[in-house]
Amino acid sequence: MQKLELIPQKPIEKGPDDLLNYQDVARMLSVNVAWVKNHCTRIEPFLPHAKLGEGKNAKRRFKREDILRFIEENMVIRLKQA
């Protein structure tokens, strides 16, 4: 019987125009995937995304530029009080 040898695969690097998945966005925002899913569907602020398909099993994908804009729009800067 022939023994199969596993060849380590280099992770696919995403380009700036590639769509991101839940895990990619979670890494960008330093949050868990559940947080990303909640902010796509029911908790504000909503994350901009594309919904691919229908119902519970629909896939959601994200554009990097939209996530960067989301970060910028939700940046809170506290003004120093005199």
N, C-alpha and C. Protein backbone atom coordinates (compact mmCIF):
# COMPACT_ATOMS: atom_id res chain seq x y z
N MET A 1 0.84 -1.18 0.00
CA MET A 1 0.00 0.00 0.00
C MET A 1 0.89 1.24 0.00
N GLN A 2 0.57 2.18 -0.88
CA GLN A 2 1.38 3.38 -1.01
C GLN A 2 1.05 4.39 0.09
N LYS A 3 2.08 4.95 0.69
CA LYS A 3 1.91 5.93 1.75
C LYS A 3 1.76 7.33 1.15
N LEU A 4 0.72 8.04 1.54
CA LEU A 4 0.52 9.40 1.04
C LEU A 4 1.36 10.38 1.84
N GLU A 5 2.01 11.26 1.14
CA GLU A 5 2.81 12.27 1.81
C GLU A 5 2.11 13.62 1.67
N LEU A 6 1.87 14.26 2.81
CA LEU A 6 1.21 15.57 2.78
C LEU A 6 2.25 16.65 2.49
N ILE A 7 1.93 17.48 1.54
CA ILE A 7 2.80 18.59 1.20
C ILE A 7 2.20 19.85 1.82
N PRO A 8 2.97 20.54 2.67
CA PRO A 8 2.43 21.75 3.30
C PRO A 8 2.04 22.77 2.23
N GLN A 9 0.85 23.31 2.39
CA GLN A 9 0.35 24.30 1.44
C GLN A 9 0.57 25.70 1.99
N LYS A 10 1.08 26.57 1.15
CA LYS A 10 1.23 27.96 1.53
C LYS A 10 -0.16 28.60 1.50
N PRO A 11 -0.54 29.34 2.54
CA PRO A 11 -1.85 29.98 2.52
C PRO A 11 -1.98 30.92 1.33
N ILE A 12 -3.16 30.96 0.78
CA ILE A 12 -3.42 31.86 -0.34
C ILE A 12 -3.44 33.28 0.19
N GLU A 13 -2.60 34.11 -0.38
CA GLU A 13 -2.58 35.52 0.03
C GLU A 13 -3.63 36.26 -0.77
N LYS A 14 -4.41 37.06 -0.07
CA LYS A 14 -5.47 37.80 -0.73
C LYS A 14 -4.96 39.16 -1.17
N GLY A 15 -5.35 39.54 -2.35
CA GLY A 15 -5.00 40.85 -2.87
C GLY A 15 -5.96 41.90 -2.35
N PRO A 16 -5.66 43.17 -2.59
CA PRO A 16 -6.50 44.26 -2.06
C PRO A 16 -7.92 44.26 -2.62
N ASP A 17 -8.14 43.63 -3.77
CA ASP A 17 -9.47 43.62 -4.36
C ASP A 17 -10.24 42.33 -4.11
N ASP A 18 -9.61 41.35 -3.45
CA ASP A 18 -10.27 40.08 -3.17
C ASP A 18 -11.31 40.25 -2.06
N LEU A 19 -12.37 39.48 -2.15
CA LEU A 19 -13.39 39.51 -1.09
C LEU A 19 -12.87 38.77 0.13
N LEU A 20 -13.25 39.26 1.30
CA LEU A 20 -12.82 38.68 2.57
C LEU A 20 -13.96 37.85 3.16
N ASN A 21 -13.61 36.86 3.98
CA ASN A 21 -14.62 36.07 4.68
C ASN A 21 -14.68 36.50 6.14
N TYR A 22 -15.52 35.84 6.92
CA TYR A 22 -15.67 36.19 8.34
C TYR A 22 -14.34 36.19 9.09
N GLN A 23 -13.54 35.15 8.85
CA GLN A 23 -12.28 35.02 9.57
C GLN A 23 -11.31 36.16 9.23
N ASP A 24 -11.27 36.54 7.96
CA ASP A 24 -10.39 37.64 7.54
C ASP A 24 -10.77 38.93 8.25
N VAL A 25 -12.07 39.21 8.28
CA VAL A 25 -12.55 40.45 8.90
C VAL A 25 -12.31 40.41 10.41
N ALA A 26 -12.54 39.27 11.02
CA ALA A 26 -12.30 39.14 12.46
C ALA A 26 -10.84 39.44 12.78
N ARG A 27 -9.92 38.93 11.96
CA ARG A 27 -8.50 39.22 12.17
C ARG A 27 -8.21 40.71 12.00
N MET A 28 -8.80 41.34 10.99
CA MET A 28 -8.57 42.77 10.75
C MET A 28 -9.03 43.61 11.94
N LEU A 29 -10.16 43.22 12.54
CA LEU A 29 -10.75 44.00 13.62
C LEU A 29 -10.32 43.52 15.01
N SER A 30 -9.57 42.45 15.06
CA SER A 30 -9.14 41.84 16.34
C SER A 30 -10.34 41.49 17.22
N VAL A 31 -11.32 40.85 16.60
CA VAL A 31 -12.52 40.38 17.30
C VAL A 31 -12.74 38.92 16.91
N ASN A 32 -13.73 38.28 17.55
CA ASN A 32 -14.02 36.90 17.16
C ASN A 32 -15.05 36.87 16.02
N VAL A 33 -15.17 35.72 15.39
CA VAL A 33 -16.06 35.57 14.24
C VAL A 33 -17.52 35.82 14.63
N ALA A 34 -17.91 35.45 15.84
CA ALA A 34 -19.29 35.68 16.29
C ALA A 34 -19.61 37.17 16.28
N TRP A 35 -18.65 38.01 16.67
CA TRP A 35 -18.85 39.47 16.67
C TRP A 35 -19.12 39.94 15.24
N VAL A 36 -18.32 39.45 14.29
CA VAL A 36 -18.49 39.84 12.89
C VAL A 36 -19.88 39.42 12.40
N LYS A 37 -20.28 38.19 12.68
CA LYS A 37 -21.59 37.70 12.24
C LYS A 37 -22.72 38.53 12.84
N ASN A 38 -22.62 38.86 14.12
CA ASN A 38 -23.66 39.67 14.77
C ASN A 38 -23.76 41.06 14.16
N HIS A 39 -22.64 41.65 13.79
CA HIS A 39 -22.65 43.00 13.25
C HIS A 39 -22.96 43.03 11.76
N CYS A 40 -23.18 41.88 11.17
CA CYS A 40 -23.67 41.80 9.79
C CYS A 40 -25.19 41.71 9.76
N THR A 41 -25.76 41.25 10.85
CA THR A 41 -27.17 40.90 10.79
C THR A 41 -28.07 41.63 11.77
N ARG A 42 -27.59 41.90 13.01
CA ARG A 42 -28.56 42.36 13.98
C ARG A 42 -28.07 43.40 14.98
N ILE A 43 -26.79 43.64 15.06
CA ILE A 43 -26.27 44.57 16.05
C ILE A 43 -25.56 45.72 15.33
N GLU A 44 -25.87 46.93 15.77
CA GLU A 44 -25.20 48.10 15.19
C GLU A 44 -23.89 48.35 15.89
N PRO A 45 -22.91 48.91 15.25
CA PRO A 45 -22.91 49.36 13.87
C PRO A 45 -22.80 48.16 12.92
N PHE A 46 -23.53 48.25 11.81
CA PHE A 46 -23.55 47.16 10.84
C PHE A 46 -22.31 47.19 9.97
N LEU A 47 -21.76 46.00 9.73
CA LEU A 47 -20.62 45.86 8.83
C LEU A 47 -21.13 45.77 7.39
N PRO A 48 -20.57 46.56 6.48
CA PRO A 48 -20.99 46.47 5.08
C PRO A 48 -20.52 45.14 4.49
N HIS A 49 -21.42 44.48 3.77
CA HIS A 49 -21.08 43.17 3.21
C HIS A 49 -21.98 42.86 2.02
N ALA A 50 -21.58 41.85 1.26
CA ALA A 50 -22.39 41.31 0.18
C ALA A 50 -22.96 39.99 0.66
N LYS A 51 -24.26 39.80 0.49
CA LYS A 51 -24.91 38.55 0.88
C LYS A 51 -25.06 37.69 -0.38
N LEU A 52 -24.43 36.54 -0.35
CA LEU A 52 -24.44 35.64 -1.50
C LEU A 52 -25.33 34.45 -1.19
N GLY A 53 -26.48 34.40 -1.78
CA GLY A 53 -27.42 33.31 -1.54
C GLY A 53 -28.58 33.77 -0.68
N GLU A 54 -29.41 32.81 -0.31
CA GLU A 54 -30.62 33.10 0.44
C GLU A 54 -30.63 32.36 1.78
N GLY A 55 -31.38 32.90 2.70
CA GLY A 55 -31.65 32.21 3.95
C GLY A 55 -30.47 32.09 4.89
N LYS A 56 -30.61 31.12 5.79
CA LYS A 56 -29.65 30.90 6.86
C LYS A 56 -28.25 30.54 6.35
N ASN A 57 -28.19 29.87 5.21
CA ASN A 57 -26.91 29.40 4.70
C ASN A 57 -26.25 30.36 3.71
N ALA A 58 -26.79 31.57 3.60
CA ALA A 58 -26.19 32.55 2.69
C ALA A 58 -24.77 32.87 3.15
N LYS A 59 -23.89 33.04 2.20
CA LYS A 59 -22.50 33.43 2.51
C LYS A 59 -22.43 34.95 2.51
N ARG A 60 -21.60 35.49 3.36
CA ARG A 60 -21.37 36.92 3.39
C ARG A 60 -19.90 37.16 3.10
N ARG A 61 -19.65 38.13 2.23
CA ARG A 61 -18.28 38.48 1.88
C ARG A 61 -18.11 40.00 2.02
N PHE A 62 -16.87 40.40 2.22
CA PHE A 62 -16.57 41.78 2.57
C PHE A 62 -15.49 42.33 1.66
N LYS A 63 -15.58 43.62 1.36
CA LYS A 63 -14.52 44.29 0.63
C LYS A 63 -13.60 44.97 1.64
N ARG A 64 -12.31 44.79 1.45
CA ARG A 64 -11.32 45.36 2.36
C ARG A 64 -11.52 46.86 2.53
N GLU A 65 -11.77 47.57 1.43
CA GLU A 65 -11.94 49.03 1.51
C GLU A 65 -13.15 49.40 2.36
N ASP A 66 -14.22 48.59 2.32
CA ASP A 66 -15.40 48.86 3.16
C ASP A 66 -15.10 48.65 4.64
N ILE A 67 -14.31 47.64 4.94
CA ILE A 67 -13.96 47.39 6.34
C ILE A 67 -13.04 48.50 6.86
N LEU A 68 -12.10 48.95 6.04
CA LEU A 68 -11.25 50.07 6.45
C LEU A 68 -12.07 51.34 6.67
N ARG A 69 -13.06 51.57 5.81
CA ARG A 69 -13.96 52.73 5.98
C ARG A 69 -14.78 52.58 7.25
N PHE A 70 -15.25 51.37 7.53
CA PHE A 70 -16.00 51.09 8.76
C PHE A 70 -15.16 51.45 9.98
N ILE A 71 -13.89 51.07 9.97
CA ILE A 71 -13.01 51.40 11.09
C ILE A 71 -12.91 52.92 11.24
N GLU A 72 -12.67 53.60 10.13
CA GLU A 72 -12.51 55.05 10.16
C GLU A 72 -13.79 55.74 10.66
N GLU A 73 -14.95 55.29 10.18
CA GLU A 73 -16.22 55.91 10.56
C GLU A 73 -16.59 55.65 12.02
N ASN A 74 -16.05 54.59 12.59
CA ASN A 74 -16.39 54.24 13.97
C ASN A 74 -15.28 54.55 14.96
N MET A 75 -14.29 55.29 14.49
CA MET A 75 -13.19 55.70 15.35
C MET A 75 -13.72 56.73 16.35
N VAL A 76 -13.44 56.50 17.61
CA VAL A 76 -13.85 57.42 18.66
C VAL A 76 -12.60 58.10 19.18
N ILE A 77 -12.63 59.41 19.12
CA ILE A 77 -11.51 60.19 19.63
C ILE A 77 -12.05 61.06 20.74
N ARG A 78 -11.53 60.85 21.91
CA ARG A 78 -11.99 61.61 23.06
C ARG A 78 -11.22 62.93 23.13
N LEU A 79 -11.96 63.99 23.19
CA LEU A 79 -11.33 65.30 23.29
C LEU A 79 -10.88 65.55 24.71
N LYS A 80 -9.71 66.11 24.85
CA LYS A 80 -9.18 66.40 26.17
C LYS A 80 -9.93 67.60 26.74
N GLN A 81 -10.42 67.44 27.96
CA GLN A 81 -11.16 68.52 28.61
C GLN A 81 -10.18 69.44 29.32
N ALA A 82 -10.43 70.75 29.20
CA ALA A 82 -9.54 71.73 29.83
C ALA A 82 -9.91 71.94 31.29
